[in-house]
Every structure is written in structure tokens, then in C-alpha cells.
Amino acid sequence: QAFASQPRDGVIFINRGCAKYAKGDFDGAVADLNQGITFKGGDHLGYYFRGLAKAAKGDFREAIADYDLALQFKPDDFNIYLRRGDAEAMDGNSKAAFRDLDQSVLLSSKSAESWWVRGFAKDLFGDFAGAAKDYETAAKLAPASEIVRFRWSLVLRRQHVDDHQVGLDAAVPNIKDPWTKAIARYLTRRLTEEEFLLEG
């Protein structure tokens, strides 16, 4: 009703765009956020969520441009640096990625997500030792996080570090995603290779 009565209210478009992003409707989110930004003018939330939606669609350069605009309004928001760094990493730009991810950790050193996303980027670019350290810090900050322990265990495995098994054994009972659980069960020898391929 509010949308129908105030079709040119930018805030309504932005709120609806954010809701569509949360539901996984990334094209719809971008369309509404475009409208919201047009009607409302520059808006931190609009640019940030449009960046998220574009990144989810794989449009990393466009997402980065939106994060640039969002930072003009919120220059100390660690989340924007985090997401821009992640997008830069996914686009293959290691220097720009670590510039932003380091800044995200600096601004929010108690955020497990800042540490584990930087760890993922280090993992992606082949710095397995650095990734393991960041995952370890993230695991201490968020001990219940299954994804952090799982990623940490995988990178330890790449380094042939024996204690990767401990991390995987601890993670398996709490993993809810079926595919991730199948990988973890295979790595902890709970599944044979044949069983793993059948589950996958």
C-alpha cells in the first residue's frame, strides 16, 4: 500500500530492493535500488546493497563502483571495505583486494567475518600459511562457525599439516549444508570415494 501511494519515494524503493536482495532476487533488487537511488539521490544503503546484488550476479566491476560510491557516505564502514575487497579478490585483483581487506580487519578486528574473508582471499591467491592464520583467528572469534572451521581445515590440508583432521572432526557434526558435509565426511574418511561421488 505504501509503495502504491508513494511510487516516487526513493526510500520505499531502496527498502524493497534490500528485501529482494535478502530473498535472492538480485535482478529485482538492482532494478528497485536503481529507482531508489534515482529518486532519493546519493544513498549509502542504496549503493551498498546494489553492490551486494551486483556482486552476487558476478558483476564485480560494477559492484566495486557502487562500493566506491557508498564509501563516500560512510568512509569508515568496515563492511564496505570487506565487500569491496571480496569483489576485487573474485575479480582477480590481489593488490586492491588486500588493501581493502586489511582495512576491514583494521577497522573491525573483533569481526570474525573480516578475518575469514581475508583468509579466503589469501587461500584464493595461494598464500595458504597466511590463510590458515586468518582462519584460526576467525575460529577463535566465532568458535561455532562451521564454515570457518571447514575452510581452516581445508587450507591446513593443502599445507599437509596433520592437525587439519582435528578441525574437520570437530566441524562435521555441526555442518548442515549437505554438499559441505559430504566433502567433510570424505576428508575425515567417514565416506569412501565412491560414496562421496554418489552423495555429490
N, C-alpha and C. Protein backbone atom coordinates (compact mmCIF):
# COMPACT_ATOMS: atom_id res chain seq x y z
N GLN A 1 0.82 -1.20 0.00
CA GLN A 1 0.00 0.00 0.00
C GLN A 1 0.86 1.26 0.00
N ALA A 2 1.90 1.25 0.83
CA ALA A 2 2.80 2.40 0.89
C ALA A 2 3.48 2.60 -0.46
N PHE A 3 3.84 1.52 -1.13
CA PHE A 3 4.51 1.61 -2.41
C PHE A 3 3.56 2.19 -3.46
N ALA A 4 2.30 1.73 -3.43
CA ALA A 4 1.33 2.18 -4.42
C ALA A 4 1.00 3.67 -4.25
N SER A 5 0.96 4.14 -3.02
CA SER A 5 0.56 5.53 -2.77
C SER A 5 1.71 6.51 -2.94
N GLN A 6 2.96 6.02 -2.87
CA GLN A 6 4.11 6.90 -2.98
C GLN A 6 5.14 6.31 -3.94
N PRO A 7 4.77 6.20 -5.25
CA PRO A 7 5.63 5.48 -6.19
C PRO A 7 6.98 6.15 -6.42
N ARG A 8 7.14 7.42 -6.08
CA ARG A 8 8.41 8.11 -6.32
C ARG A 8 9.20 8.32 -5.03
N ASP A 9 8.83 7.62 -3.99
CA ASP A 9 9.55 7.71 -2.73
C ASP A 9 10.77 6.80 -2.80
N GLY A 10 11.98 7.40 -2.88
CA GLY A 10 13.19 6.61 -3.03
C GLY A 10 13.43 5.64 -1.91
N VAL A 11 13.06 6.01 -0.69
CA VAL A 11 13.29 5.14 0.47
C VAL A 11 12.52 3.83 0.32
N ILE A 12 11.30 3.91 -0.20
CA ILE A 12 10.49 2.71 -0.39
C ILE A 12 11.15 1.78 -1.40
N PHE A 13 11.64 2.33 -2.50
CA PHE A 13 12.33 1.51 -3.48
C PHE A 13 13.58 0.87 -2.89
N ILE A 14 14.33 1.65 -2.12
CA ILE A 14 15.56 1.12 -1.52
C ILE A 14 15.24 0.00 -0.53
N ASN A 15 14.24 0.22 0.30
CA ASN A 15 13.86 -0.83 1.27
C ASN A 15 13.40 -2.09 0.56
N ARG A 16 12.62 -1.92 -0.51
CA ARG A 16 12.14 -3.10 -1.24
C ARG A 16 13.30 -3.79 -1.95
N GLY A 17 14.24 -3.00 -2.46
CA GLY A 17 15.41 -3.58 -3.10
C GLY A 17 16.24 -4.40 -2.13
N CYS A 18 16.41 -3.87 -0.91
CA CYS A 18 17.15 -4.61 0.12
C CYS A 18 16.45 -5.92 0.45
N ALA A 19 15.11 -5.87 0.53
CA ALA A 19 14.34 -7.08 0.84
C ALA A 19 14.48 -8.11 -0.29
N LYS A 20 14.47 -7.64 -1.52
CA LYS A 20 14.63 -8.56 -2.65
C LYS A 20 16.02 -9.20 -2.65
N TYR A 21 17.02 -8.40 -2.29
CA TYR A 21 18.37 -8.96 -2.20
C TYR A 21 18.40 -10.09 -1.16
N ALA A 22 17.79 -9.84 0.00
CA ALA A 22 17.79 -10.83 1.08
C ALA A 22 17.09 -12.12 0.65
N LYS A 23 16.14 -12.02 -0.29
CA LYS A 23 15.41 -13.20 -0.77
C LYS A 23 16.09 -13.86 -1.96
N GLY A 24 17.20 -13.27 -2.42
CA GLY A 24 17.92 -13.87 -3.53
C GLY A 24 17.47 -13.40 -4.90
N ASP A 25 16.59 -12.39 -4.96
CA ASP A 25 16.14 -11.83 -6.23
C ASP A 25 17.07 -10.68 -6.59
N PHE A 26 18.22 -11.00 -7.16
CA PHE A 26 19.26 -10.00 -7.37
C PHE A 26 18.92 -9.03 -8.50
N ASP A 27 18.30 -9.55 -9.57
CA ASP A 27 17.89 -8.65 -10.65
C ASP A 27 16.83 -7.67 -10.17
N GLY A 28 15.86 -8.18 -9.42
CA GLY A 28 14.81 -7.32 -8.88
C GLY A 28 15.37 -6.30 -7.91
N ALA A 29 16.35 -6.74 -7.13
CA ALA A 29 16.99 -5.82 -6.18
C ALA A 29 17.67 -4.68 -6.90
N VAL A 30 18.43 -5.00 -7.95
CA VAL A 30 19.14 -3.96 -8.70
C VAL A 30 18.15 -2.98 -9.32
N ALA A 31 17.05 -3.50 -9.88
CA ALA A 31 16.05 -2.64 -10.50
C ALA A 31 15.45 -1.66 -9.49
N ASP A 32 15.07 -2.16 -8.32
CA ASP A 32 14.48 -1.28 -7.31
C ASP A 32 15.49 -0.30 -6.74
N LEU A 33 16.71 -0.77 -6.53
CA LEU A 33 17.74 0.11 -5.97
C LEU A 33 18.12 1.20 -6.97
N ASN A 34 18.09 0.87 -8.27
CA ASN A 34 18.30 1.91 -9.29
C ASN A 34 17.26 3.01 -9.15
N GLN A 35 16.01 2.59 -9.02
CA GLN A 35 14.91 3.55 -8.86
C GLN A 35 15.07 4.36 -7.58
N GLY A 36 15.38 3.67 -6.49
CA GLY A 36 15.53 4.36 -5.21
C GLY A 36 16.63 5.39 -5.23
N ILE A 37 17.77 5.04 -5.84
CA ILE A 37 18.89 5.98 -5.92
C ILE A 37 18.53 7.17 -6.82
N THR A 38 17.79 6.90 -7.90
CA THR A 38 17.36 7.97 -8.80
C THR A 38 16.46 8.97 -8.08
N PHE A 39 15.48 8.46 -7.34
CA PHE A 39 14.52 9.33 -6.68
C PHE A 39 15.07 9.99 -5.42
N LYS A 40 15.88 9.26 -4.68
CA LYS A 40 16.37 9.77 -3.40
C LYS A 40 17.68 10.53 -3.54
N GLY A 41 18.42 10.23 -4.61
CA GLY A 41 19.76 10.80 -4.74
C GLY A 41 20.77 9.86 -4.08
N GLY A 42 21.98 10.35 -3.86
CA GLY A 42 23.02 9.53 -3.26
C GLY A 42 22.59 8.94 -1.94
N ASP A 43 22.87 7.65 -1.77
CA ASP A 43 22.42 6.97 -0.55
C ASP A 43 23.39 5.82 -0.25
N HIS A 44 23.94 5.83 0.96
CA HIS A 44 24.90 4.78 1.37
C HIS A 44 24.28 3.40 1.26
N LEU A 45 23.08 3.25 1.80
CA LEU A 45 22.44 1.93 1.81
C LEU A 45 22.11 1.47 0.40
N GLY A 46 21.63 2.38 -0.43
CA GLY A 46 21.28 2.01 -1.80
C GLY A 46 22.48 1.54 -2.59
N TYR A 47 23.58 2.28 -2.50
CA TYR A 47 24.79 1.88 -3.23
C TYR A 47 25.36 0.58 -2.68
N TYR A 48 25.35 0.44 -1.35
CA TYR A 48 25.93 -0.75 -0.73
C TYR A 48 25.16 -2.01 -1.15
N PHE A 49 23.84 -1.97 -1.03
CA PHE A 49 23.05 -3.15 -1.37
C PHE A 49 23.02 -3.40 -2.87
N ARG A 50 23.09 -2.34 -3.67
CA ARG A 50 23.18 -2.58 -5.11
C ARG A 50 24.51 -3.24 -5.44
N GLY A 51 25.56 -2.84 -4.72
CA GLY A 51 26.85 -3.51 -4.89
C GLY A 51 26.78 -4.98 -4.52
N LEU A 52 26.13 -5.28 -3.41
CA LEU A 52 25.97 -6.68 -2.99
C LEU A 52 25.24 -7.50 -4.05
N ALA A 53 24.14 -6.91 -4.56
CA ALA A 53 23.34 -7.62 -5.56
C ALA A 53 24.13 -7.84 -6.84
N LYS A 54 24.89 -6.84 -7.26
CA LYS A 54 25.68 -6.98 -8.49
C LYS A 54 26.79 -8.01 -8.29
N ALA A 55 27.41 -8.00 -7.12
CA ALA A 55 28.44 -9.00 -6.84
C ALA A 55 27.85 -10.40 -6.87
N ALA A 56 26.66 -10.56 -6.31
CA ALA A 56 26.00 -11.86 -6.31
C ALA A 56 25.70 -12.34 -7.72
N LYS A 57 25.52 -11.40 -8.65
CA LYS A 57 25.28 -11.73 -10.05
C LYS A 57 26.58 -11.96 -10.82
N GLY A 58 27.72 -11.70 -10.15
CA GLY A 58 29.01 -11.86 -10.80
C GLY A 58 29.50 -10.62 -11.51
N ASP A 59 28.79 -9.49 -11.34
CA ASP A 59 29.20 -8.22 -11.97
C ASP A 59 30.13 -7.48 -11.01
N PHE A 60 31.35 -7.98 -10.85
CA PHE A 60 32.24 -7.49 -9.80
C PHE A 60 32.71 -6.06 -10.04
N ARG A 61 33.02 -5.69 -11.29
CA ARG A 61 33.48 -4.32 -11.53
C ARG A 61 32.37 -3.32 -11.23
N GLU A 62 31.14 -3.63 -11.58
CA GLU A 62 30.03 -2.73 -11.27
C GLU A 62 29.78 -2.67 -9.77
N ALA A 63 29.92 -3.80 -9.11
CA ALA A 63 29.77 -3.83 -7.66
C ALA A 63 30.81 -2.94 -6.99
N ILE A 64 32.04 -3.03 -7.45
CA ILE A 64 33.13 -2.22 -6.88
C ILE A 64 32.84 -0.74 -7.06
N ALA A 65 32.30 -0.37 -8.23
CA ALA A 65 31.95 1.04 -8.46
C ALA A 65 30.89 1.51 -7.46
N ASP A 66 29.94 0.65 -7.14
CA ASP A 66 28.92 1.01 -6.14
C ASP A 66 29.52 1.12 -4.74
N TYR A 67 30.43 0.22 -4.40
CA TYR A 67 31.07 0.31 -3.09
C TYR A 67 31.90 1.59 -2.98
N ASP A 68 32.51 2.01 -4.10
CA ASP A 68 33.24 3.28 -4.12
C ASP A 68 32.30 4.43 -3.73
N LEU A 69 31.11 4.42 -4.31
CA LEU A 69 30.13 5.48 -4.02
C LEU A 69 29.65 5.39 -2.58
N ALA A 70 29.41 4.17 -2.09
CA ALA A 70 28.95 4.01 -0.71
C ALA A 70 29.98 4.55 0.28
N LEU A 71 31.27 4.35 -0.03
CA LEU A 71 32.33 4.83 0.86
C LEU A 71 32.40 6.35 0.94
N GLN A 72 31.87 7.03 -0.06
CA GLN A 72 31.84 8.49 0.00
C GLN A 72 30.92 8.97 1.13
N PHE A 73 29.92 8.15 1.45
CA PHE A 73 28.98 8.49 2.52
C PHE A 73 29.39 7.89 3.86
N LYS A 74 30.04 6.73 3.83
CA LYS A 74 30.45 6.03 5.06
C LYS A 74 31.91 5.60 4.94
N PRO A 75 32.84 6.54 5.06
CA PRO A 75 34.25 6.21 4.79
C PRO A 75 34.91 5.30 5.82
N ASP A 76 34.26 5.08 6.96
CA ASP A 76 34.84 4.22 7.99
C ASP A 76 34.03 2.95 8.23
N ASP A 77 33.22 2.57 7.26
CA ASP A 77 32.37 1.37 7.40
C ASP A 77 33.17 0.14 6.96
N PHE A 78 33.53 -0.70 7.92
CA PHE A 78 34.36 -1.87 7.59
C PHE A 78 33.66 -2.82 6.64
N ASN A 79 32.31 -2.87 6.69
CA ASN A 79 31.58 -3.77 5.81
C ASN A 79 31.78 -3.44 4.35
N ILE A 80 31.87 -2.14 4.03
CA ILE A 80 32.05 -1.75 2.63
C ILE A 80 33.44 -2.15 2.15
N TYR A 81 34.45 -1.91 2.99
CA TYR A 81 35.80 -2.35 2.63
C TYR A 81 35.84 -3.87 2.46
N LEU A 82 35.15 -4.56 3.35
CA LEU A 82 35.12 -6.02 3.30
C LEU A 82 34.53 -6.51 1.99
N ARG A 83 33.38 -5.95 1.61
CA ARG A 83 32.70 -6.40 0.39
C ARG A 83 33.45 -5.96 -0.87
N ARG A 84 34.03 -4.74 -0.83
CA ARG A 84 34.78 -4.30 -1.99
C ARG A 84 36.04 -5.17 -2.16
N GLY A 85 36.69 -5.47 -1.03
CA GLY A 85 37.87 -6.34 -1.09
C GLY A 85 37.54 -7.72 -1.61
N ASP A 86 36.41 -8.25 -1.16
CA ASP A 86 35.98 -9.57 -1.62
C ASP A 86 35.70 -9.54 -3.13
N ALA A 87 35.04 -8.48 -3.60
CA ALA A 87 34.75 -8.35 -5.03
C ALA A 87 36.04 -8.22 -5.83
N GLU A 88 37.00 -7.45 -5.32
CA GLU A 88 38.28 -7.32 -6.00
C GLU A 88 38.99 -8.68 -6.08
N ALA A 89 38.92 -9.45 -5.00
CA ALA A 89 39.54 -10.78 -5.00
C ALA A 89 38.88 -11.68 -6.03
N MET A 90 37.55 -11.67 -6.07
CA MET A 90 36.83 -12.51 -7.02
C MET A 90 37.09 -12.07 -8.46
N ASP A 91 37.47 -10.80 -8.64
CA ASP A 91 37.78 -10.29 -9.97
C ASP A 91 39.26 -10.47 -10.31
N GLY A 92 40.03 -11.05 -9.37
CA GLY A 92 41.42 -11.38 -9.63
C GLY A 92 42.43 -10.30 -9.32
N ASN A 93 42.00 -9.26 -8.59
CA ASN A 93 42.89 -8.13 -8.30
C ASN A 93 43.41 -8.22 -6.87
N SER A 94 44.52 -8.92 -6.69
CA SER A 94 45.00 -9.19 -5.33
C SER A 94 45.43 -7.94 -4.58
N LYS A 95 46.13 -7.03 -5.25
CA LYS A 95 46.62 -5.83 -4.57
C LYS A 95 45.47 -4.99 -4.01
N ALA A 96 44.47 -4.73 -4.85
CA ALA A 96 43.30 -3.96 -4.41
C ALA A 96 42.52 -4.72 -3.35
N ALA A 97 42.43 -6.04 -3.52
CA ALA A 97 41.68 -6.85 -2.56
C ALA A 97 42.28 -6.74 -1.16
N PHE A 98 43.58 -6.91 -1.05
CA PHE A 98 44.20 -6.90 0.27
C PHE A 98 44.28 -5.49 0.86
N ARG A 99 44.33 -4.49 0.02
CA ARG A 99 44.24 -3.11 0.52
C ARG A 99 42.94 -2.94 1.31
N ASP A 100 41.84 -3.40 0.73
CA ASP A 100 40.54 -3.24 1.38
C ASP A 100 40.33 -4.22 2.52
N LEU A 101 40.76 -5.46 2.34
CA LEU A 101 40.54 -6.46 3.38
C LEU A 101 41.39 -6.16 4.62
N ASP A 102 42.60 -5.65 4.41
CA ASP A 102 43.43 -5.22 5.54
C ASP A 102 42.75 -4.07 6.29
N GLN A 103 42.15 -3.15 5.53
CA GLN A 103 41.45 -2.02 6.16
C GLN A 103 40.24 -2.49 6.94
N SER A 104 39.53 -3.48 6.42
CA SER A 104 38.37 -4.04 7.11
C SER A 104 38.78 -4.65 8.44
N VAL A 105 39.88 -5.42 8.44
CA VAL A 105 40.39 -6.01 9.68
C VAL A 105 40.83 -4.91 10.65
N LEU A 106 41.47 -3.87 10.14
CA LEU A 106 41.93 -2.76 10.98
C LEU A 106 40.76 -2.06 11.66
N LEU A 107 39.68 -1.86 10.92
CA LEU A 107 38.52 -1.15 11.45
C LEU A 107 37.67 -2.03 12.37
N SER A 108 37.75 -3.35 12.19
CA SER A 108 36.89 -4.24 12.97
C SER A 108 37.64 -5.54 13.28
N SER A 109 38.63 -5.44 14.14
CA SER A 109 39.48 -6.60 14.43
C SER A 109 38.75 -7.68 15.22
N LYS A 110 37.58 -7.37 15.76
CA LYS A 110 36.79 -8.36 16.51
C LYS A 110 35.74 -9.04 15.63
N SER A 111 35.72 -8.70 14.36
CA SER A 111 34.76 -9.32 13.44
C SER A 111 35.37 -10.58 12.83
N ALA A 112 34.78 -11.71 13.14
CA ALA A 112 35.27 -12.96 12.58
C ALA A 112 35.18 -12.95 11.06
N GLU A 113 34.14 -12.30 10.54
CA GLU A 113 33.94 -12.28 9.09
C GLU A 113 35.08 -11.55 8.38
N SER A 114 35.56 -10.45 8.96
CA SER A 114 36.68 -9.73 8.35
C SER A 114 37.90 -10.64 8.20
N TRP A 115 38.16 -11.41 9.26
CA TRP A 115 39.32 -12.30 9.24
C TRP A 115 39.13 -13.45 8.26
N TRP A 116 37.95 -14.06 8.25
CA TRP A 116 37.81 -15.24 7.42
C TRP A 116 37.69 -14.89 5.94
N VAL A 117 37.11 -13.73 5.62
CA VAL A 117 37.06 -13.32 4.21
C VAL A 117 38.46 -12.99 3.70
N ARG A 118 39.27 -12.34 4.55
CA ARG A 118 40.66 -12.10 4.15
C ARG A 118 41.40 -13.43 4.01
N GLY A 119 41.11 -14.36 4.92
CA GLY A 119 41.71 -15.69 4.81
C GLY A 119 41.34 -16.38 3.52
N PHE A 120 40.08 -16.23 3.12
CA PHE A 120 39.62 -16.84 1.87
C PHE A 120 40.37 -16.24 0.68
N ALA A 121 40.59 -14.91 0.72
CA ALA A 121 41.33 -14.26 -0.37
C ALA A 121 42.77 -14.75 -0.42
N LYS A 122 43.40 -14.90 0.75
CA LYS A 122 44.77 -15.43 0.78
C LYS A 122 44.79 -16.86 0.24
N ASP A 123 43.80 -17.64 0.62
CA ASP A 123 43.65 -19.01 0.12
C ASP A 123 43.54 -18.98 -1.41
N LEU A 124 42.71 -18.08 -1.91
CA LEU A 124 42.45 -17.96 -3.35
C LEU A 124 43.72 -17.64 -4.12
N PHE A 125 44.57 -16.78 -3.54
CA PHE A 125 45.79 -16.36 -4.24
C PHE A 125 47.02 -17.18 -3.85
N GLY A 126 46.80 -18.29 -3.12
CA GLY A 126 47.88 -19.23 -2.88
C GLY A 126 48.70 -19.02 -1.63
N ASP A 127 48.32 -18.06 -0.79
CA ASP A 127 49.04 -17.85 0.48
C ASP A 127 48.38 -18.71 1.56
N PHE A 128 48.67 -20.01 1.53
CA PHE A 128 47.97 -20.93 2.41
C PHE A 128 48.34 -20.72 3.88
N ALA A 129 49.60 -20.39 4.14
CA ALA A 129 50.02 -20.14 5.53
C ALA A 129 49.31 -18.92 6.09
N GLY A 130 49.23 -17.85 5.29
CA GLY A 130 48.53 -16.64 5.73
C GLY A 130 47.05 -16.89 5.91
N ALA A 131 46.47 -17.68 5.01
CA ALA A 131 45.05 -18.02 5.11
C ALA A 131 44.78 -18.80 6.40
N ALA A 132 45.64 -19.76 6.72
CA ALA A 132 45.46 -20.57 7.93
C ALA A 132 45.47 -19.70 9.18
N LYS A 133 46.36 -18.71 9.21
CA LYS A 133 46.42 -17.82 10.38
C LYS A 133 45.14 -16.99 10.51
N ASP A 134 44.64 -16.48 9.38
CA ASP A 134 43.41 -15.69 9.43
C ASP A 134 42.21 -16.55 9.81
N TYR A 135 42.13 -17.77 9.26
CA TYR A 135 41.04 -18.68 9.63
C TYR A 135 41.11 -19.03 11.12
N GLU A 136 42.32 -19.22 11.61
CA GLU A 136 42.47 -19.55 13.03
C GLU A 136 41.96 -18.42 13.91
N THR A 137 42.29 -17.17 13.56
CA THR A 137 41.80 -16.02 14.31
C THR A 137 40.28 -15.95 14.24
N ALA A 138 39.73 -16.16 13.05
CA ALA A 138 38.27 -16.14 12.88
C ALA A 138 37.61 -17.23 13.72
N ALA A 139 38.22 -18.41 13.77
CA ALA A 139 37.67 -19.51 14.55
C ALA A 139 37.65 -19.19 16.05
N LYS A 140 38.66 -18.46 16.51
CA LYS A 140 38.68 -18.06 17.93
C LYS A 140 37.58 -17.05 18.23
N LEU A 141 37.30 -16.17 17.26
CA LEU A 141 36.27 -15.14 17.44
C LEU A 141 34.86 -15.72 17.28
N ALA A 142 34.74 -16.75 16.45
CA ALA A 142 33.43 -17.36 16.20
C ALA A 142 33.57 -18.88 16.26
N PRO A 143 33.75 -19.43 17.45
CA PRO A 143 34.03 -20.87 17.58
C PRO A 143 32.92 -21.78 17.08
N ALA A 144 31.69 -21.25 16.96
CA ALA A 144 30.58 -22.09 16.50
C ALA A 144 30.42 -22.07 14.98
N SER A 145 31.24 -21.29 14.29
CA SER A 145 31.08 -21.16 12.83
C SER A 145 31.62 -22.38 12.10
N GLU A 146 30.72 -23.10 11.45
CA GLU A 146 31.15 -24.31 10.72
C GLU A 146 31.95 -23.96 9.48
N ILE A 147 31.60 -22.88 8.79
CA ILE A 147 32.30 -22.54 7.55
C ILE A 147 33.74 -22.15 7.84
N VAL A 148 33.97 -21.42 8.96
CA VAL A 148 35.33 -21.01 9.29
C VAL A 148 36.19 -22.24 9.59
N ARG A 149 35.69 -23.14 10.42
CA ARG A 149 36.47 -24.34 10.77
C ARG A 149 36.71 -25.22 9.54
N PHE A 150 35.71 -25.27 8.68
CA PHE A 150 35.85 -26.09 7.48
C PHE A 150 36.91 -25.52 6.55
N ARG A 151 36.86 -24.20 6.30
CA ARG A 151 37.85 -23.58 5.42
C ARG A 151 39.26 -23.70 6.02
N TRP A 152 39.34 -23.51 7.32
CA TRP A 152 40.62 -23.62 8.02
C TRP A 152 41.20 -25.02 7.84
N SER A 153 40.35 -26.01 8.00
CA SER A 153 40.80 -27.39 7.86
C SER A 153 41.28 -27.69 6.45
N LEU A 154 40.57 -27.17 5.47
CA LEU A 154 40.96 -27.40 4.08
C LEU A 154 42.32 -26.80 3.75
N VAL A 155 42.55 -25.57 4.25
CA VAL A 155 43.83 -24.93 3.94
C VAL A 155 44.97 -25.62 4.67
N LEU A 156 44.70 -26.13 5.87
CA LEU A 156 45.73 -26.91 6.57
C LEU A 156 46.03 -28.19 5.79
N ARG A 157 45.01 -28.76 5.22
CA ARG A 157 45.21 -29.98 4.42
C ARG A 157 46.11 -29.68 3.21
N ARG A 158 45.90 -28.50 2.59
CA ARG A 158 46.73 -28.13 1.45
C ARG A 158 48.20 -27.99 1.86
N GLN A 159 48.40 -27.59 3.11
CA GLN A 159 49.77 -27.45 3.62
C GLN A 159 50.32 -28.77 4.17
N HIS A 160 49.50 -29.82 4.14
CA HIS A 160 49.87 -31.12 4.69
C HIS A 160 50.16 -31.03 6.19
N VAL A 161 49.38 -30.21 6.87
CA VAL A 161 49.52 -30.08 8.32
C VAL A 161 48.63 -31.13 8.97
N ASP A 162 49.21 -31.96 9.84
CA ASP A 162 48.48 -33.10 10.39
C ASP A 162 47.23 -32.71 11.17
N ASP A 163 47.26 -31.55 11.84
CA ASP A 163 46.12 -31.25 12.70
C ASP A 163 44.90 -30.76 11.93
N HIS A 164 44.94 -30.79 10.57
CA HIS A 164 43.71 -30.46 9.83
C HIS A 164 42.61 -31.43 10.20
N GLN A 165 42.99 -32.67 10.54
CA GLN A 165 41.99 -33.69 10.85
C GLN A 165 41.18 -33.32 12.09
N VAL A 166 41.85 -32.69 13.06
CA VAL A 166 41.16 -32.29 14.28
C VAL A 166 40.07 -31.28 13.98
N GLY A 167 40.42 -30.30 13.13
CA GLY A 167 39.43 -29.28 12.77
C GLY A 167 38.25 -29.87 12.03
N LEU A 168 38.52 -30.79 11.11
CA LEU A 168 37.44 -31.41 10.37
C LEU A 168 36.56 -32.28 11.27
N ASP A 169 37.20 -33.05 12.16
CA ASP A 169 36.43 -33.90 13.07
C ASP A 169 35.50 -33.07 13.93
N ALA A 170 35.98 -31.89 14.37
CA ALA A 170 35.15 -31.02 15.20
C ALA A 170 34.03 -30.38 14.39
N ALA A 171 34.29 -30.14 13.09
CA ALA A 171 33.31 -29.43 12.27
C ALA A 171 32.17 -30.31 11.79
N VAL A 172 32.47 -31.57 11.48
CA VAL A 172 31.49 -32.43 10.81
C VAL A 172 30.14 -32.51 11.50
N PRO A 173 30.07 -32.74 12.83
CA PRO A 173 28.74 -32.89 13.45
C PRO A 173 27.85 -31.67 13.32
N ASN A 174 28.45 -30.47 13.11
CA ASN A 174 27.67 -29.24 13.10
C ASN A 174 27.35 -28.72 11.70
N ILE A 175 27.89 -29.37 10.68
CA ILE A 175 27.67 -28.90 9.31
C ILE A 175 26.27 -29.30 8.85
N LYS A 176 25.53 -28.31 8.36
CA LYS A 176 24.14 -28.57 7.94
C LYS A 176 24.00 -28.65 6.43
N ASP A 177 24.86 -27.93 5.68
CA ASP A 177 24.76 -27.98 4.23
C ASP A 177 25.17 -29.37 3.73
N PRO A 178 24.31 -30.07 2.98
CA PRO A 178 24.59 -31.46 2.59
C PRO A 178 25.88 -31.63 1.79
N TRP A 179 26.14 -30.71 0.83
CA TRP A 179 27.33 -30.85 0.00
C TRP A 179 28.59 -30.63 0.83
N THR A 180 28.58 -29.58 1.66
CA THR A 180 29.73 -29.31 2.51
C THR A 180 29.97 -30.48 3.46
N LYS A 181 28.88 -31.03 3.99
CA LYS A 181 29.00 -32.16 4.93
C LYS A 181 29.58 -33.38 4.22
N ALA A 182 29.18 -33.59 2.97
CA ALA A 182 29.71 -34.73 2.22
C ALA A 182 31.22 -34.58 2.01
N ILE A 183 31.66 -33.36 1.67
CA ILE A 183 33.10 -33.12 1.49
C ILE A 183 33.84 -33.39 2.79
N ALA A 184 33.30 -32.85 3.89
CA ALA A 184 33.96 -33.02 5.18
C ALA A 184 34.00 -34.48 5.60
N ARG A 185 32.91 -35.21 5.35
CA ARG A 185 32.89 -36.62 5.72
C ARG A 185 33.88 -37.43 4.89
N TYR A 186 34.03 -37.03 3.62
CA TYR A 186 35.02 -37.70 2.78
C TYR A 186 36.43 -37.43 3.29
N LEU A 187 36.72 -36.17 3.64
CA LEU A 187 38.05 -35.81 4.09
C LEU A 187 38.39 -36.44 5.45
N THR A 188 37.36 -36.73 6.24
CA THR A 188 37.61 -37.37 7.53
C THR A 188 37.42 -38.89 7.44
N ARG A 189 37.35 -39.37 6.20
CA ARG A 189 37.27 -40.81 5.93
C ARG A 189 35.98 -41.43 6.45
N ARG A 190 34.94 -40.59 6.64
CA ARG A 190 33.64 -41.16 7.00
C ARG A 190 32.92 -41.70 5.75
N LEU A 191 33.36 -41.22 4.56
CA LEU A 191 32.81 -41.72 3.30
C LEU A 191 33.95 -42.24 2.44
N THR A 192 33.69 -43.32 1.71
CA THR A 192 34.65 -43.74 0.69
C THR A 192 34.51 -42.80 -0.52
N GLU A 193 35.47 -42.87 -1.42
CA GLU A 193 35.38 -42.02 -2.61
C GLU A 193 34.11 -42.32 -3.40
N GLU A 194 33.76 -43.57 -3.50
CA GLU A 194 32.55 -43.95 -4.23
C GLU A 194 31.30 -43.38 -3.57
N GLU A 195 31.22 -43.49 -2.25
CA GLU A 195 30.08 -42.95 -1.52
C GLU A 195 30.00 -41.43 -1.67
N PHE A 196 31.18 -40.77 -1.63
CA PHE A 196 31.22 -39.32 -1.78
C PHE A 196 30.68 -38.90 -3.13
N LEU A 197 31.09 -39.59 -4.19
CA LEU A 197 30.63 -39.23 -5.53
C LEU A 197 29.12 -39.45 -5.67
N LEU A 198 28.60 -40.48 -5.01
CA LEU A 198 27.17 -40.74 -5.04
C LEU A 198 26.39 -39.63 -4.32
N GLU A 199 26.92 -39.18 -3.18
CA GLU A 199 26.25 -38.13 -2.42
C GLU A 199 26.32 -36.80 -3.15
N GLY A 200 27.44 -36.54 -3.82
CA GLY A 200 27.61 -35.28 -4.54
C GLY A 200 26.70 -35.17 -5.73
